[in-house]
Structure formats: C-alpha cells, structure tokens
N, C-alpha and C. Protein backbone atom coordinates (compact mmCIF):
# COMPACT_ATOMS: atom_id res chain seq x y z
N UNK A 1 0.83 -1.18 -0.02
CA UNK A 1 -0.01 0.01 0.00
C UNK A 1 0.86 1.26 0.01
N UNK A 2 2.01 1.18 0.68
CA UNK A 2 2.88 2.33 0.77
C UNK A 2 3.40 2.71 -0.59
N UNK A 3 3.70 1.71 -1.41
CA UNK A 3 4.19 2.00 -2.78
C UNK A 3 3.15 2.72 -3.63
N UNK A 4 1.84 2.32 -3.50
CA UNK A 4 0.81 3.00 -4.21
C UNK A 4 0.65 4.44 -3.76
N UNK A 5 0.81 4.69 -2.48
CA UNK A 5 0.73 6.08 -1.97
C UNK A 5 1.86 6.88 -2.50
N UNK A 6 3.05 6.33 -2.54
CA UNK A 6 4.21 7.05 -3.07
C UNK A 6 4.06 7.37 -4.57
N UNK A 7 3.59 6.37 -5.31
CA UNK A 7 3.40 6.56 -6.76
C UNK A 7 2.32 7.62 -7.02
N UNK A 8 1.21 7.57 -6.26
CA UNK A 8 0.18 8.57 -6.42
C UNK A 8 0.64 9.94 -6.02
N UNK A 9 1.48 10.02 -4.99
CA UNK A 9 2.03 11.33 -4.56
C UNK A 9 2.91 11.92 -5.62
N UNK A 10 3.73 11.11 -6.26
CA UNK A 10 4.56 11.60 -7.36
C UNK A 10 3.69 12.02 -8.49
N UNK A 11 2.61 11.30 -8.81
CA UNK A 11 1.71 11.69 -9.87
C UNK A 11 1.02 13.02 -9.52
N UNK A 12 0.64 13.21 -8.29
CA UNK A 12 0.04 14.47 -7.85
C UNK A 12 1.01 15.66 -8.05
N UNK A 13 2.22 15.46 -7.68
CA UNK A 13 3.21 16.52 -7.83
C UNK A 13 3.49 16.81 -9.31
N UNK A 14 3.48 15.74 -10.13
CA UNK A 14 3.66 15.97 -11.58
C UNK A 14 2.44 16.70 -12.17
N UNK A 15 1.22 16.35 -11.73
CA UNK A 15 0.02 17.05 -12.19
C UNK A 15 0.04 18.49 -11.75
N UNK A 16 0.46 18.75 -10.49
CA UNK A 16 0.60 20.12 -10.06
C UNK A 16 1.59 20.93 -10.87
N UNK A 17 2.73 20.29 -11.20
CA UNK A 17 3.74 20.98 -12.03
C UNK A 17 3.20 21.25 -13.42
N UNK A 18 2.46 20.30 -13.97
CA UNK A 18 1.85 20.51 -15.29
C UNK A 18 0.83 21.64 -15.28
N UNK A 19 0.02 21.70 -14.21
CA UNK A 19 -0.97 22.78 -14.11
C UNK A 19 -0.29 24.14 -13.96
N UNK A 20 0.81 24.21 -13.23
CA UNK A 20 1.56 25.46 -13.12
C UNK A 20 2.18 25.82 -14.46
N UNK A 21 2.70 24.82 -15.17
CA UNK A 21 3.35 25.10 -16.46
C UNK A 21 2.41 25.64 -17.49
N UNK A 22 1.13 25.17 -17.52
CA UNK A 22 0.21 25.61 -18.54
C UNK A 22 -0.72 26.68 -17.98
N UNK A 23 -0.51 27.20 -16.83
CA UNK A 23 -1.42 28.17 -16.26
C UNK A 23 -1.45 29.48 -17.07
N UNK A 24 -0.38 29.85 -17.71
CA UNK A 24 -0.37 31.03 -18.53
C UNK A 24 -1.29 30.93 -19.73
N UNK A 25 -1.43 29.73 -20.28
CA UNK A 25 -2.34 29.54 -21.41
C UNK A 25 -3.79 29.49 -20.95
N UNK A 26 -4.04 28.88 -19.83
CA UNK A 26 -5.41 28.74 -19.33
C UNK A 26 -5.92 30.03 -18.77
N UNK A 27 -5.10 30.76 -17.99
CA UNK A 27 -5.54 31.96 -17.26
C UNK A 27 -5.11 33.22 -17.99
N UNK A 28 -4.99 33.22 -19.29
CA UNK A 28 -4.46 34.37 -20.00
C UNK A 28 -5.36 35.59 -19.89
N UNK A 29 -6.64 35.41 -19.70
CA UNK A 29 -7.55 36.55 -19.59
C UNK A 29 -7.67 37.11 -18.20
N UNK A 30 -7.08 36.48 -17.22
CA UNK A 30 -7.22 36.93 -15.84
C UNK A 30 -5.94 37.71 -15.50
N UNK A 31 -6.13 38.93 -15.08
CA UNK A 31 -4.99 39.71 -14.61
C UNK A 31 -5.37 40.46 -13.32
N UNK A 32 -4.50 41.32 -12.86
CA UNK A 32 -4.76 41.98 -11.57
C UNK A 32 -5.87 43.04 -11.65
N UNK A 33 -6.16 43.53 -12.84
CA UNK A 33 -7.17 44.58 -12.95
C UNK A 33 -8.54 44.06 -13.30
N UNK A 34 -8.61 42.92 -13.92
CA UNK A 34 -9.92 42.39 -14.37
C UNK A 34 -10.63 41.62 -13.29
N UNK A 35 -11.88 41.23 -13.59
CA UNK A 35 -12.60 40.41 -12.61
C UNK A 35 -12.07 38.97 -12.56
N UNK A 36 -12.19 38.42 -11.42
CA UNK A 36 -11.72 37.04 -11.21
C UNK A 36 -12.77 36.06 -11.64
N UNK A 37 -12.44 35.20 -12.57
CA UNK A 37 -13.38 34.20 -13.05
C UNK A 37 -13.48 33.04 -12.05
N UNK A 38 -14.66 32.46 -11.90
CA UNK A 38 -14.79 31.28 -11.03
C UNK A 38 -13.91 30.12 -11.46
N UNK A 39 -13.72 30.00 -12.79
CA UNK A 39 -12.87 28.93 -13.27
C UNK A 39 -11.42 29.12 -12.86
N UNK A 40 -10.99 30.39 -12.81
CA UNK A 40 -9.64 30.66 -12.37
C UNK A 40 -9.43 30.35 -10.90
N UNK A 41 -10.46 30.61 -10.13
CA UNK A 41 -10.38 30.29 -8.66
C UNK A 41 -10.29 28.75 -8.52
N UNK A 42 -11.13 28.01 -9.27
CA UNK A 42 -11.07 26.56 -9.20
C UNK A 42 -9.72 26.05 -9.66
N UNK A 43 -9.17 26.65 -10.69
CA UNK A 43 -7.88 26.23 -11.26
C UNK A 43 -6.78 26.38 -10.21
N UNK A 44 -6.76 27.54 -9.54
CA UNK A 44 -5.77 27.76 -8.50
C UNK A 44 -5.97 26.80 -7.36
N UNK A 45 -7.21 26.57 -6.95
CA UNK A 45 -7.47 25.60 -5.84
C UNK A 45 -7.03 24.21 -6.25
N UNK A 46 -7.22 23.85 -7.49
CA UNK A 46 -6.79 22.52 -7.94
C UNK A 46 -5.27 22.42 -7.88
N UNK A 47 -4.56 23.47 -8.29
CA UNK A 47 -3.09 23.45 -8.17
C UNK A 47 -2.69 23.28 -6.70
N UNK A 48 -3.30 24.04 -5.84
CA UNK A 48 -2.97 23.94 -4.41
C UNK A 48 -3.26 22.56 -3.85
N UNK A 49 -4.40 21.95 -4.25
CA UNK A 49 -4.73 20.63 -3.73
C UNK A 49 -3.80 19.55 -4.28
N UNK A 50 -3.35 19.73 -5.54
CA UNK A 50 -2.37 18.77 -6.12
C UNK A 50 -1.07 18.81 -5.32
N UNK A 51 -0.67 19.98 -4.91
CA UNK A 51 0.57 20.10 -4.15
C UNK A 51 0.40 19.79 -2.65
N UNK A 52 -0.83 19.95 -2.13
CA UNK A 52 -1.04 19.76 -0.69
C UNK A 52 -1.46 18.35 -0.37
N UNK A 53 -2.05 17.60 -1.28
CA UNK A 53 -2.60 16.27 -0.92
C UNK A 53 -1.50 15.31 -0.47
N UNK A 54 -0.34 15.26 -1.10
CA UNK A 54 0.69 14.36 -0.54
C UNK A 54 1.16 14.77 0.89
N UNK A 55 1.21 16.07 1.09
CA UNK A 55 1.62 16.55 2.42
C UNK A 55 0.56 16.18 3.44
N UNK A 56 -0.70 16.39 3.11
CA UNK A 56 -1.79 16.04 4.05
C UNK A 56 -1.78 14.53 4.36
N UNK A 57 -1.59 13.74 3.31
CA UNK A 57 -1.53 12.28 3.57
C UNK A 57 -0.34 11.88 4.41
N UNK A 58 0.78 12.57 4.23
CA UNK A 58 1.94 12.24 5.01
C UNK A 58 1.74 12.67 6.51
N UNK A 59 1.12 13.82 6.70
CA UNK A 59 0.85 14.25 8.06
C UNK A 59 -0.18 13.34 8.78
N UNK A 60 -1.06 12.71 8.00
CA UNK A 60 -2.11 11.88 8.56
C UNK A 60 -1.68 10.41 8.69
N UNK A 61 -0.38 10.15 8.57
CA UNK A 61 0.07 8.76 8.55
C UNK A 61 -0.17 8.04 9.87
N UNK A 62 -0.21 8.75 11.00
CA UNK A 62 -0.45 8.10 12.25
C UNK A 62 -1.91 7.99 12.62
N UNK A 63 -2.72 8.93 12.16
CA UNK A 63 -4.13 8.98 12.57
C UNK A 63 -5.10 8.25 11.67
N UNK A 64 -4.71 7.99 10.39
CA UNK A 64 -5.64 7.42 9.47
C UNK A 64 -5.09 6.10 8.86
N UNK A 65 -5.97 5.33 8.33
CA UNK A 65 -5.52 4.05 7.74
C UNK A 65 -4.87 4.30 6.38
N UNK A 66 -4.24 3.32 5.85
CA UNK A 66 -3.57 3.41 4.56
C UNK A 66 -4.56 3.65 3.45
N UNK A 67 -5.77 3.07 3.57
CA UNK A 67 -6.76 3.28 2.52
C UNK A 67 -7.24 4.72 2.51
N UNK A 68 -7.39 5.34 3.63
CA UNK A 68 -7.82 6.73 3.72
C UNK A 68 -6.71 7.66 3.15
N UNK A 69 -5.50 7.36 3.50
CA UNK A 69 -4.40 8.18 2.96
C UNK A 69 -4.28 8.03 1.47
N UNK A 70 -4.48 6.81 0.97
CA UNK A 70 -4.47 6.60 -0.49
C UNK A 70 -5.61 7.39 -1.16
N UNK A 71 -6.79 7.39 -0.52
CA UNK A 71 -7.89 8.19 -1.03
C UNK A 71 -7.59 9.69 -1.08
N UNK A 72 -6.91 10.15 -0.09
CA UNK A 72 -6.52 11.55 -0.06
C UNK A 72 -5.54 11.89 -1.17
N UNK A 73 -4.58 11.02 -1.40
CA UNK A 73 -3.58 11.25 -2.41
C UNK A 73 -4.14 11.10 -3.82
N UNK A 74 -5.08 10.18 -4.02
CA UNK A 74 -5.63 9.92 -5.33
C UNK A 74 -6.74 10.92 -5.70
N UNK A 75 -7.28 11.67 -4.74
CA UNK A 75 -8.39 12.57 -5.00
C UNK A 75 -8.06 13.61 -6.07
N UNK A 76 -6.90 14.28 -6.13
CA UNK A 76 -6.62 15.23 -7.23
C UNK A 76 -6.63 14.54 -8.60
N UNK A 77 -6.08 13.30 -8.65
CA UNK A 77 -6.05 12.58 -9.91
C UNK A 77 -7.46 12.18 -10.35
N UNK A 78 -8.31 11.81 -9.38
CA UNK A 78 -9.70 11.48 -9.69
C UNK A 78 -10.47 12.71 -10.18
N UNK A 79 -10.22 13.86 -9.54
CA UNK A 79 -10.90 15.09 -9.99
C UNK A 79 -10.44 15.47 -11.36
N UNK A 80 -9.15 15.32 -11.65
CA UNK A 80 -8.63 15.65 -13.01
C UNK A 80 -9.24 14.71 -14.05
N UNK A 81 -9.37 13.43 -13.72
CA UNK A 81 -9.97 12.46 -14.67
C UNK A 81 -11.44 12.78 -14.88
N UNK A 82 -12.14 13.17 -13.81
CA UNK A 82 -13.57 13.53 -13.98
C UNK A 82 -13.71 14.79 -14.82
N UNK A 83 -12.82 15.75 -14.61
CA UNK A 83 -12.90 16.99 -15.41
C UNK A 83 -12.58 16.75 -16.89
N UNK A 84 -11.79 15.75 -17.19
CA UNK A 84 -11.50 15.47 -18.58
C UNK A 84 -12.73 14.89 -19.27
N UNK A 85 -13.66 14.30 -18.50
CA UNK A 85 -14.88 13.71 -19.12
C UNK A 85 -15.95 14.76 -19.33
N UNK A 86 -15.84 15.91 -18.68
CA UNK A 86 -16.86 16.99 -18.83
C UNK A 86 -16.51 17.82 -20.04
N UNK A 87 -17.49 18.05 -20.89
CA UNK A 87 -17.21 18.88 -22.07
C UNK A 87 -17.21 20.39 -21.68
N UNK A 88 -16.32 21.13 -22.23
CA UNK A 88 -16.25 22.53 -21.85
C UNK A 88 -17.42 23.34 -22.45
N UNK A 89 -17.92 24.20 -21.60
CA UNK A 89 -18.92 25.21 -21.98
C UNK A 89 -20.15 24.84 -22.65
C-alpha cells in the first residue's frame, strides 16, 4: 500500500507541475485589474490541492488508515480524470 501512496504522490506533484506550467495559457484573460473568473479560482485551488494532498496524507500517517491516505492522495487525480470527461462550456 505504501508503494501506491508514493506513486500517487509523485503523480500528484507531476500534475501540479503541469498545471503550473500551462497556467499562462489557461488563465491568459485573468489579470490584476480584471474580474476574477470562477474557473480561475477553481484552477488555483486545484493546483494547491495537487501540491497539498501528498503533504496532508503524510501528516495523517499516524491517525488514518492506509486506505484513507491513499484516497486523499488519489483525489486530485480522480478530480482531474472527472474533469476530462466533462465537455467545456
């Protein structure tokens, strides 16, 4: 189970890095002077959760079971997969 958690944590960090790398393309219309789009807020929250989920699972290693920690780590990947199935606009 520990190996799955580590692999999912690496995948989370890779997804977070990918989201940061393409954020300029996705958020090109959002700047400091314009209104904040709800999609931009969700995008930033997704980046934060991708980077925070492995840390949260690591901090919860004593209080939660391995299945719960795996669920925490896999949740950003599951959200990303679900968002890929939703058609835009």
